[in-house]
């Protein structure tokens, strides 16, 4: 599971990131709300690109052609 950690306090952020990674989470750590928003926008764009290429495009075409 992937977690977006938003924490501006360096010591607390580092401790949380370390603990979450030890528990096998993938952690993306940003320092403020603006960085969090930018990160989420980037992820949204990446998801769109993945859905518009490869087998996802074929899946969408075959399953939603009549929608």
C-alpha atoms as a PDB file:
ATOM      1  CA  UNK A   1       0.000   0.000   0.000  1.00  0.00           C
ATOM      2  CA  UNK A   2       1.190   3.484  -0.801  1.00  0.00           C
ATOM      3  CA  UNK A   3       0.861   6.321   1.711  1.00  0.00           C
ATOM      4  CA  UNK A   4       1.192  10.053   1.197  1.00  0.00           C
ATOM      5  CA  UNK A   5       2.699  11.463   4.394  1.00  0.00           C
ATOM      6  CA  UNK A   6       2.258  15.208   4.853  1.00  0.00           C
ATOM      7  CA  UNK A   7       4.426  16.435   7.728  1.00  0.00           C
ATOM      8  CA  UNK A   8       6.436  19.635   8.021  1.00  0.00           C
ATOM      9  CA  UNK A   9       8.323  18.676  11.191  1.00  0.00           C
ATOM     10  CA  UNK A  10      11.526  16.928  10.007  1.00  0.00           C
ATOM     11  CA  UNK A  11      12.118  14.696  13.042  1.00  0.00           C
ATOM     12  CA  UNK A  12       8.515  13.526  13.254  1.00  0.00           C
ATOM     13  CA  UNK A  13       8.289  13.034   9.487  1.00  0.00           C
ATOM     14  CA  UNK A  14      11.483  10.973   9.427  1.00  0.00           C
ATOM     15  CA  UNK A  15      10.290   8.800  12.313  1.00  0.00           C
ATOM     16  CA  UNK A  16       6.892   8.206  10.691  1.00  0.00           C
ATOM     17  CA  UNK A  17       8.448   7.459   7.312  1.00  0.00           C
ATOM     18  CA  UNK A  18      10.926   5.005   8.855  1.00  0.00           C
ATOM     19  CA  UNK A  19       8.201   3.230  10.836  1.00  0.00           C
ATOM     20  CA  UNK A  20       5.841   2.955   7.865  1.00  0.00           C
ATOM     21  CA  UNK A  21       8.596   1.649   5.592  1.00  0.00           C
ATOM     22  CA  UNK A  22       9.533  -0.935   8.187  1.00  0.00           C
ATOM     23  CA  UNK A  23       5.926  -2.121   8.001  1.00  0.00           C
ATOM     24  CA  UNK A  24       6.352  -2.501   4.203  1.00  0.00           C
ATOM     25  CA  UNK A  25       4.423   0.598   3.130  1.00  0.00           C
ATOM     26  CA  UNK A  26       5.601   2.708   0.212  1.00  0.00           C
ATOM     27  CA  UNK A  27       5.850   6.236   1.600  1.00  0.00           C
ATOM     28  CA  UNK A  28       5.838   9.497  -0.295  1.00  0.00           C
ATOM     29  CA  UNK A  29       6.707  12.256   2.168  1.00  0.00           C
ATOM     30  CA  UNK A  30       5.916  15.886   1.393  1.00  0.00           C
ATOM     31  CA  UNK A  31       6.373  18.837   3.708  1.00  0.00           C
ATOM     32  CA  UNK A  32       3.177  20.867   3.227  1.00  0.00           C
ATOM     33  CA  UNK A  33      -0.262  21.030   1.701  1.00  0.00           C
ATOM     34  CA  UNK A  34       0.926  22.659  -1.510  1.00  0.00           C
ATOM     35  CA  UNK A  35       3.411  19.833  -2.130  1.00  0.00           C
ATOM     36  CA  UNK A  36       0.702  17.295  -1.277  1.00  0.00           C
ATOM     37  CA  UNK A  37      -1.685  18.844  -3.809  1.00  0.00           C
ATOM     38  CA  UNK A  38       1.031  18.891  -6.487  1.00  0.00           C
ATOM     39  CA  UNK A  39       1.877  15.261  -5.757  1.00  0.00           C
ATOM     40  CA  UNK A  40      -1.767  14.206  -6.001  1.00  0.00           C
ATOM     41  CA  UNK A  41      -2.138  16.070  -9.297  1.00  0.00           C
ATOM     42  CA  UNK A  42       0.941  14.253 -10.629  1.00  0.00           C
ATOM     43  CA  UNK A  43      -0.463  10.877  -9.547  1.00  0.00           C
ATOM     44  CA  UNK A  44      -3.812  11.676 -11.173  1.00  0.00           C
ATOM     45  CA  UNK A  45      -2.072  12.488 -14.452  1.00  0.00           C
ATOM     46  CA  UNK A  46      -0.043   9.263 -14.257  1.00  0.00           C
ATOM     47  CA  UNK A  47      -3.192   7.218 -13.658  1.00  0.00           C
ATOM     48  CA  UNK A  48      -4.875   8.802 -16.674  1.00  0.00           C
ATOM     49  CA  UNK A  49      -1.871   8.004 -18.849  1.00  0.00           C
ATOM     50  CA  UNK A  50      -1.862   4.394 -17.690  1.00  0.00           C
ATOM     51  CA  UNK A  51      -5.550   4.008 -18.465  1.00  0.00           C
ATOM     52  CA  UNK A  52      -5.143   5.470 -21.935  1.00  0.00           C
ATOM     53  CA  UNK A  53      -2.411   3.064 -23.042  1.00  0.00           C
ATOM     54  CA  UNK A  54      -1.809  -0.635 -23.432  1.00  0.00           C
ATOM     55  CA  UNK A  55      -4.173  -3.310 -22.175  1.00  0.00           C
ATOM     56  CA  UNK A  56      -6.225  -0.767 -20.221  1.00  0.00           C
ATOM     57  CA  UNK A  57      -7.218   0.965 -23.435  1.00  0.00           C
ATOM     58  CA  UNK A  58      -8.215  -2.379 -24.933  1.00  0.00           C
ATOM     59  CA  UNK A  59     -10.141  -3.282 -21.756  1.00  0.00           C
ATOM     60  CA  UNK A  60     -11.997   0.027 -21.721  1.00  0.00           C
ATOM     61  CA  UNK A  61     -12.840  -0.194 -25.416  1.00  0.00           C
ATOM     62  CA  UNK A  62     -14.233  -3.712 -25.135  1.00  0.00           C
ATOM     63  CA  UNK A  63     -16.144  -3.218 -21.891  1.00  0.00           C
ATOM     64  CA  UNK A  64     -17.481   0.305 -22.275  1.00  0.00           C
ATOM     65  CA  UNK A  65     -18.016   0.654 -26.023  1.00  0.00           C
ATOM     66  CA  UNK A  66     -21.791   0.646 -25.597  1.00  0.00           C
ATOM     67  CA  UNK A  67     -21.894   2.826 -22.486  1.00  0.00           C
END
